Protein backbone atom coordinates (compact mmCIF):
# COMPACT_ATOMS: atom_id res chain seq x y z
CA MET A 1 110.14 131.35 28.91
CA SER A 2 113.91 130.96 28.91
CA GLN A 3 116.86 129.84 30.99
CA ASP A 4 117.83 133.51 31.48
CA LEU A 5 114.43 134.25 33.00
CA TRP A 6 114.51 131.17 35.22
CA THR A 7 117.96 132.13 36.49
CA ALA A 8 116.91 135.74 37.12
CA VAL A 9 113.87 134.64 39.13
CA ASP A 10 116.04 132.22 41.12
CA GLN A 11 118.35 135.11 41.98
CA TYR A 12 115.39 137.25 43.01
CA VAL A 13 114.22 134.51 45.39
CA VAL A 14 117.73 134.08 46.79
CA ASP A 15 118.12 137.84 47.32
CA HIS A 16 114.91 137.97 49.35
CA LEU A 17 114.69 134.59 51.10
CA VAL A 18 118.14 132.98 51.24
CA PRO A 19 120.52 135.32 53.10
CA ALA A 20 124.21 135.35 52.25
CA ASP A 21 126.13 132.80 54.28
CA GLU A 22 129.90 132.63 54.56
CA ALA A 23 130.18 128.86 55.08
CA LEU A 24 127.87 128.02 52.19
CA GLU A 25 129.60 130.44 49.85
CA ALA A 26 132.98 129.02 50.87
CA ALA A 27 131.71 125.52 50.13
CA LEU A 28 130.70 126.58 46.62
CA ALA A 29 134.07 128.25 46.09
CA ALA A 30 135.91 125.15 47.27
CA THR A 31 133.84 123.02 44.89
CA ALA A 32 134.88 125.17 41.94
CA GLU A 33 138.50 125.38 43.06
CA ALA A 34 138.71 121.59 43.27
CA GLY A 35 137.40 121.28 39.71
CA MET A 36 134.34 119.35 40.87
CA PRO A 37 131.20 119.30 38.70
CA ASP A 38 128.57 121.96 39.34
CA ILE A 39 125.81 119.44 40.03
CA GLY A 40 124.93 120.24 43.63
CA VAL A 41 121.57 121.64 44.68
CA ALA A 42 120.75 125.29 44.05
CA PRO A 43 120.56 127.66 47.06
CA THR A 44 116.75 127.68 46.88
CA HIS A 45 116.66 123.90 46.95
CA GLY A 46 119.18 123.76 49.78
CA LYS A 47 116.90 126.02 51.79
CA LEU A 48 113.97 123.75 50.91
CA LEU A 49 115.84 120.70 52.25
CA HIS A 50 116.59 122.63 55.43
CA LEU A 51 112.93 123.55 55.87
CA LEU A 52 111.74 120.00 55.17
CA ALA A 53 114.09 118.64 57.83
CA ARG A 54 112.88 121.22 60.34
CA LEU A 55 109.23 120.62 59.50
CA ARG A 56 109.77 116.90 60.02
CA GLY A 57 111.60 117.58 63.27
CA ALA A 58 114.39 115.34 62.03
CA ARG A 59 116.95 114.15 64.56
CA THR A 60 118.67 111.72 62.22
CA ILE A 61 119.37 112.31 58.52
CA LEU A 62 120.89 110.11 55.82
CA GLU A 63 122.28 111.68 52.66
CA ILE A 64 123.24 109.49 49.70
CA GLY A 65 125.63 111.56 47.60
CA THR A 66 127.73 114.18 49.38
CA LEU A 67 129.66 115.86 46.56
CA ALA A 68 131.30 118.84 48.34
CA GLY A 69 128.88 118.98 51.26
CA TYR A 70 126.78 121.99 50.23
CA SER A 71 123.45 120.24 50.71
CA THR A 72 124.92 118.50 53.74
CA ILE A 73 125.45 121.84 55.45
CA TRP A 74 121.86 122.88 54.78
CA LEU A 75 120.53 119.62 56.20
CA ALA A 76 122.85 119.43 59.20
CA ARG A 77 121.92 122.94 60.30
CA ALA A 78 118.30 121.76 60.66
CA LEU A 79 119.24 119.21 63.31
CA PRO A 80 118.85 119.68 67.07
CA PRO A 81 122.03 119.79 69.20
CA ASP A 82 122.02 116.02 69.69
CA GLY A 83 121.15 115.21 66.06
CA ARG A 84 123.33 113.30 63.62
CA LEU A 85 123.74 113.15 59.87
CA VAL A 86 125.44 110.38 57.91
CA THR A 87 126.42 111.22 54.33
CA LEU A 88 127.76 108.75 51.78
CA GLU A 89 130.26 109.70 49.07
CA ALA A 90 131.85 107.36 46.56
CA ASP A 91 134.72 109.64 45.50
CA PRO A 92 137.50 110.05 48.12
CA ARG A 93 138.53 113.43 46.68
CA HIS A 94 134.98 114.74 46.89
CA ALA A 95 134.72 113.45 50.45
CA GLU A 96 137.94 115.27 51.38
CA VAL A 97 136.59 118.58 50.07
CA ALA A 98 133.27 117.96 51.84
CA GLN A 99 134.94 117.26 55.17
CA ALA A 100 136.88 120.52 54.94
CA ASN A 101 133.69 122.41 54.08
CA LEU A 102 131.82 120.81 56.98
CA ALA A 103 134.63 121.59 59.41
CA ARG A 104 134.65 125.22 58.24
CA ALA A 105 130.92 125.35 58.90
CA GLY A 106 131.40 124.01 62.43
CA LEU A 107 129.64 120.73 61.65
CA ALA A 108 132.46 118.19 61.86
CA GLY A 109 131.03 116.83 65.11
CA VAL A 110 127.53 116.50 63.70
CA VAL A 111 128.18 114.91 60.30
CA GLU A 112 129.84 111.59 59.54
CA VAL A 113 131.16 111.23 55.98
CA ARG A 114 131.44 107.62 54.88
CA VAL A 115 133.58 107.02 51.81
CA GLY A 116 132.90 104.31 49.27
CA PRO A 117 130.16 103.24 46.86
CA ALA A 118 126.83 103.75 48.61
CA LEU A 119 125.67 100.21 47.87
CA ASP A 120 128.72 99.04 49.89
CA THR A 121 128.30 101.46 52.80
CA LEU A 122 124.50 101.34 53.15
CA PRO A 123 124.52 97.80 54.60
CA GLN A 124 126.80 99.05 57.39
CA LEU A 125 124.27 101.63 58.64
CA THR A 126 121.80 101.35 61.48
CA GLY A 127 118.60 103.35 61.33
CA PRO A 128 116.07 104.56 61.65
CA PHE A 129 116.58 107.87 59.89
CA ASP A 130 113.91 110.57 59.99
CA LEU A 131 114.85 111.99 56.59
CA VAL A 132 116.75 110.58 53.63
CA PHE A 133 118.04 112.71 50.77
CA ILE A 134 119.05 110.78 47.64
CA ASP A 135 121.23 112.68 45.18
CA ALA A 136 123.82 110.27 43.81
CA ASP A 137 124.23 108.24 40.61
CA LYS A 138 120.73 107.94 39.19
CA VAL A 139 121.14 104.46 37.74
CA ASN A 140 121.04 103.04 41.28
CA ASN A 141 118.02 105.06 42.47
CA PRO A 142 115.79 101.97 42.83
CA GLN A 143 118.39 100.29 45.04
CA TYR A 144 118.87 103.46 47.08
CA LEU A 145 115.13 103.57 47.62
CA SER A 146 115.11 99.95 48.73
CA TRP A 147 117.83 100.62 51.30
CA SER A 148 116.06 103.80 52.42
CA MET A 149 112.96 101.76 53.21
CA ARG A 150 115.02 99.46 55.41
CA LEU A 151 116.59 102.38 57.24
CA THR A 152 113.47 104.48 57.91
CA ARG A 153 110.23 104.15 59.86
CA PRO A 154 106.63 105.37 59.57
CA GLY A 155 106.74 109.16 59.41
CA SER A 156 110.15 109.32 57.77
CA VAL A 157 110.57 111.49 54.69
CA ILE A 158 112.51 110.53 51.54
CA VAL A 159 113.57 113.23 49.07
CA VAL A 160 115.08 112.35 45.68
CA ASP A 161 116.66 114.97 43.42
CA ASN A 162 116.82 115.14 39.61
CA VAL A 163 113.70 113.09 38.86
CA VAL A 164 112.53 115.00 35.75
CA ARG A 165 115.82 115.25 33.86
CA GLY A 166 114.67 117.90 31.41
CA GLY A 167 111.58 115.84 30.60
CA SER A 168 113.54 112.81 29.41
CA VAL A 169 111.92 110.72 32.13
CA LEU A 170 108.97 110.40 29.73
CA ASP A 171 111.04 108.44 27.21
CA LYS A 172 110.79 104.76 28.14
CA ASP A 173 113.03 103.79 25.22
CA ARG A 174 115.80 106.28 26.00
CA ASP A 175 119.19 104.58 26.10
CA ASP A 176 120.38 106.44 29.17
CA PRO A 177 121.01 104.54 32.43
CA SER A 178 120.17 107.64 34.49
CA VAL A 179 116.78 107.97 32.82
CA GLN A 180 116.06 104.27 33.22
CA GLY A 181 117.15 104.39 36.87
CA THR A 182 114.84 107.33 37.48
CA ARG A 183 111.93 105.59 35.77
CA GLY A 184 112.65 102.53 37.90
CA LEU A 185 112.44 104.73 40.98
CA TYR A 186 108.97 105.95 40.01
CA GLU A 187 107.82 102.41 39.33
CA ALA A 188 109.16 101.13 42.65
CA ILE A 189 107.44 103.91 44.60
CA ALA A 190 104.16 103.44 42.74
CA ALA A 191 104.21 99.73 43.63
CA ASN A 192 105.10 100.22 47.30
CA PRO A 193 102.04 100.43 49.60
CA ARG A 194 104.24 101.80 52.41
CA LEU A 195 104.88 105.04 50.51
CA THR A 196 102.80 108.01 49.46
CA ALA A 197 104.62 110.42 47.19
CA THR A 198 104.57 113.20 44.65
CA ALA A 199 107.08 114.91 42.38
CA VAL A 200 107.49 118.62 41.70
CA GLN A 201 108.94 120.00 38.47
CA THR A 202 111.41 122.85 38.92
CA VAL A 203 113.14 125.46 36.80
CA GLY A 204 115.89 127.84 37.81
CA VAL A 205 119.64 128.24 37.83
CA LYS A 206 120.05 124.46 37.42
CA GLY A 207 117.71 124.28 34.43
CA TYR A 208 114.61 122.13 34.08
CA ASP A 209 114.35 119.23 36.50
CA GLY A 210 112.45 118.30 39.65
CA PHE A 211 112.43 116.46 42.95
CA LEU A 212 110.38 113.67 44.48
CA LEU A 213 108.99 113.75 48.00
CA ALA A 214 107.80 110.55 49.70
CA LEU A 215 106.37 109.80 53.13
CA VAL A 216 106.83 106.39 54.75
CA THR A 217 103.34 105.55 56.02
CA GLU A 218 103.78 102.13 57.60
């Protein structure tokens, strides 16, 4: 098995199940043009987020970590006409690119981009949110989970990206704040009786990683 094979299979899936989309492709182009890091979700994972939001029947969505708004577009398109999405982005430049991408996609009236460190903007929010997508700095994942629990209700879904980190999540002694933050996330979920969760390992164009899916039960 190799990265070339994973990437080829990802492309096969995209060709068959993720139709070309002008707004999404423009968002990716704007991300590259702005010199932003290529750390957003893959098209297959964007489609998965969209389907999860639709399956949940989400009317309100919280996204922690906007980047250029690619995943935001996928999520916002799953909302009903009166739905709302709040997305939090620490970097003003990233937020500016995201707002332009969202406007181009016709979603400026649906999505609110809040700029500033998420741990500063989260206390300003009022829930409940039906779905939360966490994809920001990994060191703060346990705190993002804690805030997500305050802003959700029974039946809400929490999705966390990048929870395998090429397998490094196994290394409890690894001197990497992102690994330790991810391990702290697992430990917090395992200790929380209000959550039932699993994690799925993934390979593809973004390499070897995975996502966590949790349901708020009470």
